[in-house]
C-alpha atoms as a PDB file:
ATOM      1  CA  MET A   1     -41.196 -46.970   9.176  1.00  0.00           C
ATOM      2  CA  SER A   2     -37.552 -48.873  10.403  1.00  0.00           C
ATOM      3  CA  GLN A   3     -37.499 -50.545  14.063  1.00  0.00           C
ATOM      4  CA  ASN A   4     -35.296 -48.733  16.280  1.00  0.00           C
ATOM      5  CA  PRO A   5     -34.255 -50.546  19.483  1.00  0.00           C
ATOM      6  CA  ARG A   6     -30.843 -48.965  20.313  1.00  0.00           C
ATOM      7  CA  GLY A   7     -33.029 -45.121  20.669  1.00  0.00           C
ATOM      8  CA  ILE A   8     -30.527 -43.700  17.728  1.00  0.00           C
ATOM      9  CA  ALA A   9     -32.179 -40.527  16.847  1.00  0.00           C
ATOM     10  CA  PRO A  10     -32.266 -40.380  12.992  1.00  0.00           C
ATOM     11  CA  LEU A  11     -29.700 -37.547  11.688  1.00  0.00           C
ATOM     12  CA  ASN A  12     -31.228 -33.955  11.484  1.00  0.00           C
ATOM     13  CA  TRP A  13     -29.428 -32.000   8.473  1.00  0.00           C
ATOM     14  CA  ARG A  14     -31.033 -29.121   9.589  1.00  0.00           C
ATOM     15  CA  ALA A  15     -29.536 -28.626  12.262  1.00  0.00           C
ATOM     16  CA  LEU A  16     -26.513 -29.866  12.024  1.00  0.00           C
ATOM     17  CA  VAL A  17     -25.947 -27.051   9.492  1.00  0.00           C
ATOM     18  CA  ASP A  18     -27.737 -24.185  12.131  1.00  0.00           C
ATOM     19  CA  GLU A  19     -25.436 -25.418  13.828  1.00  0.00           C
ATOM     20  CA  ALA A  20     -22.208 -25.394  11.390  1.00  0.00           C
ATOM     21  CA  LEU A  21     -23.616 -22.299   9.825  1.00  0.00           C
ATOM     22  CA  ARG A  22     -23.727 -20.383  13.823  1.00  0.00           C
ATOM     23  CA  ARG A  23     -20.367 -21.517  14.902  1.00  0.00           C
ATOM     24  CA  ARG A  24     -19.199 -20.357  11.614  1.00  0.00           C
ATOM     25  CA  LYS A  25     -19.426 -17.075  12.773  1.00  0.00           C
ATOM     26  CA  ALA A  26     -19.202 -17.486  16.182  1.00  0.00           C
ATOM     27  CA  GLU A  27     -15.122 -17.573  15.536  1.00  0.00           C
ATOM     28  CA  GLY A  28     -15.483 -14.608  13.092  1.00  0.00           C
ATOM     29  CA  LEU A  29     -15.620 -17.146  10.059  1.00  0.00           C
ATOM     30  CA  THR A  30     -15.854 -15.971   5.596  1.00  0.00           C
ATOM     31  CA  GLN A  31     -17.184 -18.975   3.551  1.00  0.00           C
ATOM     32  CA  ARG A  32     -13.973 -18.724   1.551  1.00  0.00           C
ATOM     33  CA  GLU A  33     -11.742 -19.411   5.441  1.00  0.00           C
ATOM     34  CA  HIS A  34     -14.677 -21.926   5.725  1.00  0.00           C
ATOM     35  CA  ALA A  35     -13.886 -23.724   2.401  1.00  0.00           C
ATOM     36  CA  ALA A  36     -10.077 -22.935   2.395  1.00  0.00           C
ATOM     37  CA  LEU A  37      -9.863 -24.340   5.856  1.00  0.00           C
ATOM     38  CA  ALA A  38     -12.748 -27.656   4.451  1.00  0.00           C
ATOM     39  CA  SER A  39     -10.451 -28.110   1.164  1.00  0.00           C
ATOM     40  CA  VAL A  40     -13.917 -27.444  -0.084  1.00  0.00           C
ATOM     41  CA  SER A  41     -15.297 -24.678  -2.987  1.00  0.00           C
ATOM     42  CA  ILE A  42     -16.813 -21.361  -1.838  1.00  0.00           C
ATOM     43  CA  PRO A  43     -19.865 -22.338  -3.582  1.00  0.00           C
ATOM     44  CA  THR A  44     -19.996 -26.185  -1.877  1.00  0.00           C
ATOM     45  CA  ILE A  45     -19.795 -24.068   1.079  1.00  0.00           C
ATOM     46  CA  GLY A  46     -22.937 -21.688  -0.183  1.00  0.00           C
ATOM     47  CA  ALA A  47     -24.939 -25.406  -0.827  1.00  0.00           C
ATOM     48  CA  PHE A  48     -24.161 -27.229   2.513  1.00  0.00           C
ATOM     49  CA  GLU A  49     -25.131 -24.380   4.323  1.00  0.00           C
ATOM     50  CA  ARG A  50     -28.296 -24.138   2.310  1.00  0.00           C
ATOM     51  CA  GLY A  51     -29.430 -27.411   2.539  1.00  0.00           C
ATOM     52  CA  GLU A  52     -28.748 -28.958  -0.276  1.00  0.00           C
ATOM     53  CA  ARG A  53     -28.114 -32.984   0.135  1.00  0.00           C
ATOM     54  CA  THR A  54     -26.312 -33.196  -3.310  1.00  0.00           C
ATOM     55  CA  LEU A  55     -22.717 -32.985  -1.662  1.00  0.00           C
ATOM     56  CA  THR A  56     -20.410 -35.786  -0.778  1.00  0.00           C
ATOM     57  CA  LEU A  57     -20.414 -37.704   2.519  1.00  0.00           C
ATOM     58  CA  ALA A  58     -16.488 -36.511   2.319  1.00  0.00           C
ATOM     59  CA  LYS A  59     -17.096 -33.025   1.873  1.00  0.00           C
ATOM     60  CA  ALA A  60     -20.296 -32.528   4.106  1.00  0.00           C
ATOM     61  CA  PHE A  61     -17.681 -34.107   6.311  1.00  0.00           C
ATOM     62  CA  ASP A  62     -14.838 -32.179   5.941  1.00  0.00           C
ATOM     63  CA  ILE A  63     -16.741 -28.480   6.384  1.00  0.00           C
ATOM     64  CA  LEU A  64     -18.395 -30.319   9.991  1.00  0.00           C
ATOM     65  CA  ARG A  65     -14.546 -30.718  11.538  1.00  0.00           C
ATOM     66  CA  VAL A  66     -13.545 -27.988  10.943  1.00  0.00           C
ATOM     67  CA  VAL A  67     -16.352 -26.360  13.528  1.00  0.00           C
ATOM     68  CA  GLY A  68     -15.897 -29.045  15.794  1.00  0.00           C
ATOM     69  CA  LEU A  69     -19.015 -31.288  14.404  1.00  0.00           C
ATOM     70  CA  ILE A  70     -16.341 -34.124  13.534  1.00  0.00           C
ATOM     71  CA  GLU A  71     -15.606 -36.488  16.130  1.00  0.00           C
ATOM     72  CA  GLU A  72     -10.990 -38.037  15.617  1.00  0.00           C
ATOM     73  CA  GLU A  73     -10.198 -40.890  15.072  1.00  0.00           C
ATOM     74  CA  GLU A  74      -7.154 -41.525  16.459  1.00  0.00           C
ATOM     75  CA  GLY A  75      -4.383 -41.172  13.430  1.00  0.00           C
ATOM     76  CA  ASP A  76      -7.751 -39.831  11.323  1.00  0.00           C
ATOM     77  CA  GLY A  77      -7.243 -36.644   8.297  1.00  0.00           C
ATOM     78  CA  ALA A  78      -3.493 -35.443  10.075  1.00  0.00           C
ATOM     79  CA  GLN A  79      -3.139 -34.117   6.978  1.00  0.00           C
ATOM     80  CA  GLU A  80      -5.937 -31.820   7.248  1.00  0.00           C
ATOM     81  CA  ALA A  81      -5.443 -31.261  10.930  1.00  0.00           C
ATOM     82  CA  PHE A  82      -2.348 -30.322  10.127  1.00  0.00           C
ATOM     83  CA  VAL A  83      -3.472 -27.555   7.095  1.00  0.00           C
ATOM     84  CA  ARG A  84      -6.218 -26.987   8.759  1.00  0.00           C
ATOM     85  CA  ASP A  85      -4.217 -25.159  12.046  1.00  0.00           C
ATOM     86  CA  ALA A  86      -1.557 -23.656   9.761  1.00  0.00           C
ATOM     87  CA  PHE A  87      -4.709 -21.767   7.788  1.00  0.00           C
ATOM     88  CA  ALA A  88      -5.996 -21.074  11.770  1.00  0.00           C
ATOM     89  CA  ARG A  89      -2.094 -19.788  12.542  1.00  0.00           C
ATOM     90  CA  TRP A  90      -2.327 -17.692  10.262  1.00  0.00           C
ATOM     91  CA  ARG A  91      -5.339 -15.982  10.374  1.00  0.00           C
ATOM     92  CA  GLN A  92      -4.475 -15.243  14.116  1.00  0.00           C
ATOM     93  CA  GLN A  93      -1.457 -13.795  12.977  1.00  0.00           C
ATOM     94  CA  THR A  94      -2.536 -11.169  10.331  1.00  0.00           C
ATOM     95  CA  SER A  95      -5.528 -10.455  12.318  1.00  0.00           C
ATOM     96  CA  LYS A  96      -4.410  -7.344  13.728  1.00  0.00           C
ATOM     97  CA  LEU A  97      -3.007  -6.164   9.924  1.00  0.00           C
ATOM     98  CA  PRO A  98      -5.056  -3.573   8.254  1.00  0.00           C
ATOM     99  CA  ALA A  99      -7.233  -5.642   5.320  1.00  0.00           C
ATOM    100  CA  ASN A 100      -5.242  -4.124   2.452  1.00  0.00           C
ATOM    101  CA  SER A 101      -1.834  -4.961   4.392  1.00  0.00           C
ATOM    102  CA  ALA A 102      -0.502  -7.515   1.893  1.00  0.00           C
ATOM    103  CA  GLY A 103      -0.133  -9.250   4.642  1.00  0.00           C
ATOM    104  CA  ARG A 104      -3.284 -10.674   4.103  1.00  0.00           C
ATOM    105  CA  PHE A 105      -3.039 -11.427   0.101  1.00  0.00           C
ATOM    106  CA  PRO A 106      -6.206  -9.263  -0.332  1.00  0.00           C
ATOM    107  CA  HIS A 107      -6.471 -10.271  -3.760  1.00  0.00           C
ATOM    108  CA  GLY A 108      -6.166 -13.607  -3.611  1.00  0.00           C
ATOM    109  CA  TRP A 109      -3.762 -16.877  -2.630  1.00  0.00           C
ATOM    110  CA  TYR A 110      -2.617 -19.807  -2.920  1.00  0.00           C
ATOM    111  CA  ARG A 111      -1.851 -22.399  -0.950  1.00  0.00           C
ATOM    112  CA  ILE A 112       0.936 -25.338  -1.276  1.00  0.00           C
ATOM    113  CA  ASP A 113       0.844 -28.789   0.984  1.00  0.00           C
ATOM    114  CA  TYR A 114       2.365 -32.061   1.499  1.00  0.00           C
ATOM    115  CA  ALA A 115       2.591 -35.407   2.967  1.00  0.00           C
ATOM    116  CA  LEU A 116       5.210 -37.780   3.018  1.00  0.00           C
ATOM    117  CA  GLU A 117       4.131 -40.884   3.267  1.00  0.00           C
ATOM    118  CA  GLY A 118       6.194 -44.385   4.011  1.00  0.00           C
ATOM    119  CA  GLU A 119       9.471 -45.536   6.017  1.00  0.00           C
ATOM    120  CA  LEU A 120      10.835 -41.620   7.686  1.00  0.00           C
ATOM    121  CA  GLY A 121      13.175 -42.305  10.032  1.00  0.00           C
ATOM    122  CA  ASN A 122      12.607 -39.537  13.309  1.00  0.00           C
ATOM    123  CA  LEU A 123      14.057 -35.802  12.978  1.00  0.00           C
ATOM    124  CA  GLU A 124      14.128 -32.823  16.263  1.00  0.00           C
ATOM    125  CA  LEU A 125      13.361 -30.300  14.772  1.00  0.00           C
ATOM    126  CA  PRO A 126      16.954 -28.404  15.116  1.00  0.00           C
ATOM    127  CA  GLU A 127      17.524 -31.184  13.122  1.00  0.00           C
ATOM    128  CA  LEU A 128      14.979 -29.947  10.009  1.00  0.00           C
ATOM    129  CA  GLN A 129      15.231 -27.221  11.057  1.00  0.00           C
ATOM    130  CA  LYS A 130      18.886 -27.320   9.361  1.00  0.00           C
ATOM    131  CA  VAL A 131      17.471 -29.932   6.709  1.00  0.00           C
ATOM    132  CA  LEU A 132      15.065 -27.245   5.247  1.00  0.00           C
ATOM    133  CA  GLU A 133      17.365 -25.188   4.741  1.00  0.00           C
ATOM    134  CA  LYS A 134      19.696 -27.199   3.488  1.00  0.00           C
ATOM    135  CA  ILE A 135      17.347 -28.618   0.805  1.00  0.00           C
ATOM    136  CA  GLU A 136      15.944 -24.849  -0.647  1.00  0.00           C
ATOM    137  CA  VAL A 137      15.221 -24.715  -3.684  1.00  0.00           C
ATOM    138  CA  ARG A 138      15.988 -21.314  -5.301  1.00  0.00           C
ATOM    139  CA  HIS A 139      16.226 -21.901  -9.335  1.00  0.00           C
ATOM    140  CA  THR A 140      13.603 -18.185  -9.177  1.00  0.00           C
ATOM    141  CA  GLY A 141      14.567 -16.329  -6.650  1.00  0.00           C
ATOM    142  CA  TRP A 142      12.062 -16.380  -3.398  1.00  0.00           C
ATOM    143  CA  PRO A 143      11.983 -19.502  -2.507  1.00  0.00           C
ATOM    144  CA  MET A 144       9.239 -21.775  -1.043  1.00  0.00           C
ATOM    145  CA  PHE A 145      10.235 -22.482   2.491  1.00  0.00           C
ATOM    146  CA  VAL A 146      12.646 -19.361   2.885  1.00  0.00           C
ATOM    147  CA  THR A 147      14.620 -19.527   5.638  1.00  0.00           C
ATOM    148  CA  MET A 148      16.345 -16.556   6.929  1.00  0.00           C
ATOM    149  CA  THR A 149      19.590 -15.283   8.906  1.00  0.00           C
ATOM    150  CA  ARG A 150      18.691 -11.970  10.014  1.00  0.00           C
ATOM    151  CA  PRO A 151      17.584 -12.630  13.600  1.00  0.00           C
ATOM    152  CA  GLU A 152      14.424 -10.699  13.909  1.00  0.00           C
ATOM    153  CA  LEU A 153      13.012 -13.416  10.739  1.00  0.00           C
ATOM    154  CA  VAL A 154      14.561 -16.757  11.522  1.00  0.00           C
ATOM    155  CA  LEU A 155      12.236 -19.433  11.958  1.00  0.00           C
ATOM    156  CA  GLN A 156      10.343 -21.017  14.683  1.00  0.00           C
ATOM    157  CA  GLU A 157       9.406 -23.424  16.428  1.00  0.00           C
ATOM    158  CA  VAL A 158       5.856 -23.282  17.905  1.00  0.00           C
ATOM    159  CA  ASP A 159       4.071 -25.924  19.154  1.00  0.00           C
ATOM    160  CA  GLY A 160       6.799 -28.868  17.603  1.00  0.00           C
ATOM    161  CA  LEU A 161       6.546 -27.383  14.434  1.00  0.00           C
ATOM    162  CA  ILE A 162       8.463 -25.057  12.622  1.00  0.00           C
ATOM    163  CA  GLU A 163       7.508 -22.193  12.252  1.00  0.00           C
ATOM    164  CA  CYS A 164       7.917 -18.655   9.724  1.00  0.00           C
ATOM    165  CA  TRP A 165       6.317 -15.351   9.019  1.00  0.00           C
ATOM    166  CA  ILE A 166       8.075 -12.980   6.808  1.00  0.00           C
ATOM    167  CA  LYS A 167       5.513  -9.544   8.255  1.00  0.00           C
ATOM    168  CA  PRO A 168       4.938  -7.532   6.047  1.00  0.00           C
ATOM    169  CA  GLU A 169       6.957  -4.536   8.272  1.00  0.00           C
ATOM    170  CA  ASP A 170       9.704  -6.853   8.855  1.00  0.00           C
ATOM    171  CA  SER A 171       9.610  -7.234   4.324  1.00  0.00           C
ATOM    172  CA  ARG A 172       9.019  -2.883   3.584  1.00  0.00           C
ATOM    173  CA  VAL A 173      11.489  -2.265   6.193  1.00  0.00           C
ATOM    174  CA  LYS A 174      14.295  -5.038   5.822  1.00  0.00           C
ATOM    175  CA  ARG A 175      14.255  -5.852   2.160  1.00  0.00           C
ATOM    176  CA  GLY A 176      12.009  -3.435   0.472  1.00  0.00           C
ATOM    177  CA  LEU A 177      10.195  -6.151  -0.877  1.00  0.00           C
ATOM    178  CA  ALA A 178       6.285  -5.092   0.516  1.00  0.00           C
ATOM    179  CA  ASP A 179       3.816  -6.772  -1.168  1.00  0.00           C
ATOM    180  CA  PRO A 180       1.460 -10.204  -1.240  1.00  0.00           C
ATOM    181  CA  ALA A 181       4.624 -12.582  -2.772  1.00  0.00           C
ATOM    182  CA  HIS A 182       7.465 -11.904  -0.246  1.00  0.00           C
ATOM    183  CA  CYS A 183       4.943 -11.968   2.825  1.00  0.00           C
ATOM    184  CA  ASP A 184       5.356 -15.795   2.333  1.00  0.00           C
ATOM    185  CA  PHE A 185       3.559 -18.495   6.097  1.00  0.00           C
ATOM    186  CA  TRP A 186       4.762 -21.407   5.940  1.00  0.00           C
ATOM    187  CA  ARG A 187       5.330 -24.854   8.579  1.00  0.00           C
ATOM    188  CA  ALA A 188       6.718 -28.209   8.338  1.00  0.00           C
ATOM    189  CA  ALA A 189       6.646 -30.555  10.492  1.00  0.00           C
ATOM    190  CA  PRO A 190       9.147 -33.539  11.512  1.00  0.00           C
ATOM    191  CA  SER A 191       6.967 -36.136   9.970  1.00  0.00           C
ATOM    192  CA  GLY A 192       7.451 -35.280   6.561  1.00  0.00           C
ATOM    193  CA  ARG A 193       4.689 -32.454   6.880  1.00  0.00           C
ATOM    194  CA  LEU A 194       4.738 -28.964   4.893  1.00  0.00           C
ATOM    195  CA  PHE A 195       2.110 -26.477   4.552  1.00  0.00           C
ATOM    196  CA  LEU A 196       2.674 -22.820   2.911  1.00  0.00           C
ATOM    197  CA  LEU A 197       0.816 -19.832   2.373  1.00  0.00           C
ATOM    198  CA  ARG A 198       1.658 -17.096  -0.187  1.00  0.00           C
ATOM    199  CA  GLY A 199       0.542 -14.138  -2.186  1.00  0.00           C
ATOM    200  CA  TYR A 200       0.583 -13.952  -6.968  1.00  0.00           C
ATOM    201  CA  GLN A 201       3.484 -12.616  -7.737  1.00  0.00           C
ATOM    202  CA  GLU A 202       0.473 -11.077 -10.305  1.00  0.00           C
ATOM    203  CA  ASP A 203      -0.171  -8.896  -7.795  1.00  0.00           C
ATOM    204  CA  ALA A 204       3.319  -6.819  -7.117  1.00  0.00           C
ATOM    205  CA  GLN A 205       4.231  -5.698 -10.448  1.00  0.00           C
ATOM    206  CA  GLU A 206       3.674  -2.094 -11.793  1.00  0.00           C
ATOM    207  CA  THR A 207       2.488  -2.702 -15.226  1.00  0.00           C
ATOM    208  CA  VAL A 208      -0.763  -4.682 -14.862  1.00  0.00           C
ATOM    209  CA  ALA A 209      -3.469  -4.381 -11.656  1.00  0.00           C
ATOM    210  CA  PRO A 210      -3.778  -6.360  -8.816  1.00  0.00           C
ATOM    211  CA  GLY A 211      -6.107  -9.200  -9.160  1.00  0.00           C
ATOM    212  CA  THR A 212      -6.298  -9.412 -12.831  1.00  0.00           C
ATOM    213  CA  ILE A 213      -3.949 -11.432 -14.133  1.00  0.00           C
ATOM    214  CA  PHE A 214      -2.619 -15.363 -14.031  1.00  0.00           C
ATOM    215  CA  ASP A 215       0.455 -15.739 -15.120  1.00  0.00           C
ATOM    216  CA  THR A 216       1.007 -18.516 -17.902  1.00  0.00           C
ATOM    217  CA  THR A 217       4.556 -19.380 -16.016  1.00  0.00           C
ATOM    218  CA  LEU A 218       4.741 -19.289 -12.768  1.00  0.00           C
ATOM    219  CA  PRO A 219       1.749 -21.905 -11.776  1.00  0.00           C
ATOM    220  CA  ILE A 220       4.901 -24.064 -13.981  1.00  0.00           C
ATOM    221  CA  TRP A 221       7.354 -23.293 -11.440  1.00  0.00           C
ATOM    222  CA  ARG A 222       6.591 -23.559  -8.839  1.00  0.00           C
ATOM    223  CA  LEU A 223       4.566 -26.376  -8.851  1.00  0.00           C
ATOM    224  CA  GLY A 224       8.166 -27.894  -9.606  1.00  0.00           C
ATOM    225  CA  GLU A 225       8.870 -26.013  -6.912  1.00  0.00           C
ATOM    226  CA  GLY A 226       6.979 -27.162  -3.977  1.00  0.00           C
ATOM    227  CA  LEU A 227       7.109 -30.822  -6.012  1.00  0.00           C
ATOM    228  CA  LEU A 228      10.661 -30.559  -5.979  1.00  0.00           C
ATOM    229  CA  HIS A 229      10.724 -29.826  -2.419  1.00  0.00           C
ATOM    230  CA  ALA A 230       9.157 -32.828  -1.445  1.00  0.00           C
ATOM    231  CA  ALA A 231      10.926 -34.891  -3.713  1.00  0.00           C
ATOM    232  CA  ARG A 232      13.942 -33.718  -1.515  1.00  0.00           C
ATOM    233  CA  LEU A 233      12.738 -33.720   2.151  1.00  0.00           C
ATOM    234  CA  ALA A 234      11.689 -37.629   1.155  1.00  0.00           C
ATOM    235  CA  ARG A 235      15.299 -38.038  -0.256  1.00  0.00           C
ATOM    236  CA  VAL A 236      16.557 -37.272   3.247  1.00  0.00           C
ATOM    237  CA  LEU A 237      13.928 -38.281   6.017  1.00  0.00           C
ATOM    238  CA  ARG A 238      13.113 -41.869   4.686  1.00  0.00           C
ATOM    239  CA  HIS A 239      14.736 -44.650   6.786  1.00  0.00           C
ATOM    240  CA  ASP A 240      17.000 -45.997   4.278  1.00  0.00           C
ATOM    241  CA  ASP A 241      18.456 -45.758   0.823  1.00  0.00           C
ATOM    242  CA  GLU A 242      15.678 -48.676   0.367  1.00  0.00           C
ATOM    243  CA  SER A 243      12.336 -46.864   1.605  1.00  0.00           C
ATOM    244  CA  LYS A 244      10.048 -45.907  -0.699  1.00  0.00           C
ATOM    245  CA  ILE A 245       8.155 -42.544  -0.452  1.00  0.00           C
ATOM    246  CA  THR A 246       5.462 -41.204  -1.728  1.00  0.00           C
ATOM    247  CA  VAL A 247       4.594 -37.829  -1.517  1.00  0.00           C
ATOM    248  CA  ARG A 248       0.735 -36.735  -1.668  1.00  0.00           C
ATOM    249  CA  PHE A 249       1.392 -33.126  -2.875  1.00  0.00           C
ATOM    250  CA  ARG A 250      -1.778 -30.019  -3.025  1.00  0.00           C
ATOM    251  CA  ALA A 251      -2.231 -27.211  -4.631  1.00  0.00           C
ATOM    252  CA  ARG A 252      -5.419 -24.530  -3.463  1.00  0.00           C
ATOM    253  CA  TYR A 253      -5.370 -21.275  -5.519  1.00  0.00           C
ATOM    254  CA  SER A 254      -8.012 -19.138  -4.105  1.00  0.00           C
ATOM    255  CA  GLY A 255      -8.934 -14.985  -5.945  1.00  0.00           C
ATOM    256  CA  LEU A 256      -8.706 -16.387  -8.762  1.00  0.00           C
ATOM    257  CA  SER A 257     -12.223 -14.658 -10.928  1.00  0.00           C
ATOM    258  CA  GLY A 258     -11.948 -11.518 -12.467  1.00  0.00           C
ATOM    259  CA  ARG A 259      -8.033 -12.378 -13.511  1.00  0.00           C
ATOM    260  CA  ILE A 260      -7.294 -13.602 -17.513  1.00  0.00           C
ATOM    261  CA  LEU A 261      -4.022 -15.851 -17.913  1.00  0.00           C
ATOM    262  CA  ARG A 262      -2.070 -14.293 -19.565  1.00  0.00           C
ATOM    263  CA  SER A 263       2.036 -14.530 -20.205  1.00  0.00           C
ATOM    264  CA  LEU A 264       3.476 -11.788 -18.332  1.00  0.00           C
ATOM    265  CA  SER A 265       6.944 -11.910 -20.196  1.00  0.00           C
ATOM    266  CA  PRO A 266       4.402 -12.281 -23.864  1.00  0.00           C
ATOM    267  CA  SER A 267       6.807 -15.365 -25.603  1.00  0.00           C
ATOM    268  CA  ALA A 268       5.378 -16.690 -29.630  1.00  0.00           C
ATOM    269  CA  VAL A 269       4.207 -19.727 -27.020  1.00  0.00           C
ATOM    270  CA  GLY A 270       2.317 -17.817 -23.926  1.00  0.00           C
ATOM    271  CA  LEU A 271       0.278 -15.940 -26.577  1.00  0.00           C
ATOM    272  CA  ILE A 272      -1.399 -19.239 -27.102  1.00  0.00           C
ATOM    273  CA  LEU A 273      -2.567 -19.066 -23.961  1.00  0.00           C
ATOM    274  CA  GLU A 274      -3.306 -15.754 -23.449  1.00  0.00           C
ATOM    275  CA  ALA A 275      -7.094 -13.606 -23.019  1.00  0.00           C
ATOM    276  CA  GLN A 276      -9.071 -16.370 -21.566  1.00  0.00           C
ATOM    277  CA  ALA A 277     -11.241 -15.057 -18.233  1.00  0.00           C
ATOM    278  CA  ALA A 278     -10.827 -17.536 -15.127  1.00  0.00           C
ATOM    279  CA  LYS A 279     -14.276 -20.013 -14.553  1.00  0.00           C
ATOM    280  CA  SER A 280     -14.032 -20.119 -11.561  1.00  0.00           C
ATOM    281  CA  ASP A 281     -12.538 -17.888  -8.204  1.00  0.00           C
ATOM    282  CA  GLU A 282     -11.098 -21.801  -6.769  1.00  0.00           C
ATOM    283  CA  ALA A 283      -8.645 -24.184  -8.223  1.00  0.00           C
ATOM    284  CA  ILE A 284      -7.446 -27.172  -6.688  1.00  0.00           C
ATOM    285  CA  VAL A 285      -4.752 -29.639  -7.803  1.00  0.00           C
ATOM    286  CA  GLU A 286      -3.150 -32.606  -6.288  1.00  0.00           C
ATOM    287  CA  THR A 287      -1.420 -35.721  -6.799  1.00  0.00           C
ATOM    288  CA  SER A 288      -0.419 -38.954  -4.959  1.00  0.00           C
ATOM    289  CA  LEU A 289       3.810 -39.953  -6.096  1.00  0.00           C
ATOM    290  CA  PRO A 290       6.955 -41.725  -5.625  1.00  0.00           C
ATOM    291  CA  ALA A 291       8.812 -39.609  -4.693  1.00  0.00           C
ATOM    292  CA  GLN A 292      11.919 -41.407  -7.115  1.00  0.00           C
ATOM    293  CA  GLN A 293       9.913 -40.627  -9.881  1.00  0.00           C
ATOM    294  CA  ILE A 294       9.170 -36.622  -9.324  1.00  0.00           C
ATOM    295  CA  GLU A 295      13.107 -35.862  -9.757  1.00  0.00           C
ATOM    296  CA  ALA A 296      13.899 -38.721 -12.392  1.00  0.00           C
ATOM    297  CA  ASP A 297      11.002 -36.245 -14.746  1.00  0.00           C
ATOM    298  CA  LEU A 298      10.370 -33.292 -13.248  1.00  0.00           C
ATOM    299  CA  ALA A 299       7.481 -31.873 -16.035  1.00  0.00           C
ATOM    300  CA  ALA A 300       5.779 -35.629 -16.567  1.00  0.00           C
ATOM    301  CA  ALA A 301       4.590 -34.887 -12.571  1.00  0.00           C
ATOM    302  CA  VAL A 302       3.972 -31.400 -13.004  1.00  0.00           C
ATOM    303  CA  TYR A 303       1.978 -30.975 -16.670  1.00  0.00           C
ATOM    304  CA  PRO A 304      -1.136 -33.211 -15.217  1.00  0.00           C
ATOM    305  CA  LEU A 305      -1.411 -30.344 -11.964  1.00  0.00           C
ATOM    306  CA  VAL A 306      -0.812 -27.699 -14.221  1.00  0.00           C
ATOM    307  CA  SER A 307      -2.925 -29.398 -16.732  1.00  0.00           C
ATOM    308  CA  SER A 308      -5.597 -29.214 -14.387  1.00  0.00           C
ATOM    309  CA  LEU A 309      -5.123 -26.036 -13.614  1.00  0.00           C
ATOM    310  CA  TYR A 310      -5.979 -23.905 -16.780  1.00  0.00           C
ATOM    311  CA  GLU A 311      -8.535 -26.061 -17.281  1.00  0.00           C
ATOM    312  CA  ARG A 312     -10.382 -23.323 -15.092  1.00  0.00           C
ATOM    313  CA  PHE A 313      -8.915 -20.695 -18.162  1.00  0.00           C
ATOM    314  CA  GLY A 314     -10.457 -22.463 -20.769  1.00  0.00           C
ATOM    315  CA  VAL A 315      -7.386 -24.596 -21.882  1.00  0.00           C
ATOM    316  CA  THR A 316      -7.955 -27.976 -22.575  1.00  0.00           C
ATOM    317  CA  GLN A 317      -5.290 -29.097 -24.620  1.00  0.00           C
ATOM    318  CA  LEU A 318      -2.180 -27.417 -23.382  1.00  0.00           C
ATOM    319  CA  SER A 319       1.061 -28.416 -25.016  1.00  0.00           C
ATOM    320  CA  ARG A 320       3.784 -30.474 -23.123  1.00  0.00           C
ATOM    321  CA  ASP A 321       6.283 -29.408 -24.749  1.00  0.00           C
ATOM    322  CA  PHE A 322       6.111 -25.535 -23.251  1.00  0.00           C
ATOM    323  CA  VAL A 323       5.422 -27.010 -19.827  1.00  0.00           C
ATOM    324  CA  ALA A 324       8.641 -28.978 -20.007  1.00  0.00           C
ATOM    325  CA  GLY A 325      10.221 -26.695 -21.594  1.00  0.00           C
ATOM    326  CA  GLU A 326       9.334 -24.106 -18.707  1.00  0.00           C
ATOM    327  CA  ILE A 327      10.099 -26.643 -16.458  1.00  0.00           C
ATOM    328  CA  GLN A 328      14.244 -26.317 -18.046  1.00  0.00           C
ATOM    329  CA  ARG A 329      14.215 -23.258 -18.067  1.00  0.00           C
ATOM    330  CA  PHE A 330      12.444 -22.897 -13.900  1.00  0.00           C
ATOM    331  CA  ARG A 331      16.120 -25.960 -13.807  1.00  0.00           C
ATOM    332  CA  GLN A 332      18.214 -23.759 -15.713  1.00  0.00           C
ATOM    333  CA  GLY A 333      17.657 -20.479 -13.132  1.00  0.00           C
ATOM    334  CA  ARG A 334      19.647 -20.174 -10.141  1.00  0.00           C
ATOM    335  CA  TYR A 335      19.761 -17.521  -7.732  1.00  0.00           C
END
């Protein structure tokens, strides 16, 4: 056994796992919520809590960080901290809603988060709000990072961030859209960090039961919309015309179990992808690429993300032409 002249005690892994589990329960977090905050899968959380040592150190740190068992260095994991705080804020906002409320996404949700990296100019919150209103991507009706003009739905300044929460009662009384696809929660930081949480549009259909369908088209459109939003914000926030901005983009899908990949609007191409059941309850897809590249060829940016996502449904060779066609149809839409 090697000597320990500095007096540093060996890591007691079981004790650390037990303390993490105790803190998770004390904070009222479910395994699903802990997984979401740590950006890991539910099986990974389960393996961690069983004390398994096959996890990578990075994933273990992500899990421990959520319950305050990792000391953060200055500037370390800024995007992860931003995402965790946003998700925790959403949990706080929705904590008093009924368990089956559309605002709590009982059948599942997806989230988009991105960070801009590079030479960014300074922007105060009031300016950021005006920018976000200006760059809205309205190709498919209800846009991501939606901005509202009604006084009761106007964007809020919270903890130095722009925040929006569309409450289910507001959706029902004011707009008649009390469904998971419209009860958005999102946050934006002047530093070019954004987070959006939303329920599935598939769960707001009269013709199919909630939690049973994952549409072949909507994920392509939403990924394209999120990437395009990031590219547009990068163009505004860059320090000057010569500045090179990188978009670090991620999408996480939860509540996939029991869903079949199927087109809500069947087409000759869509039928090829039908009748594939999800192989896991969650999926994470991510990329990092120059903002200018997104605007130059959005389909090329979307393809690897949606291809990875559809692998969870048994689709191993997704047609590039199919994705390009849907992106073209998305960009031609005007609402």
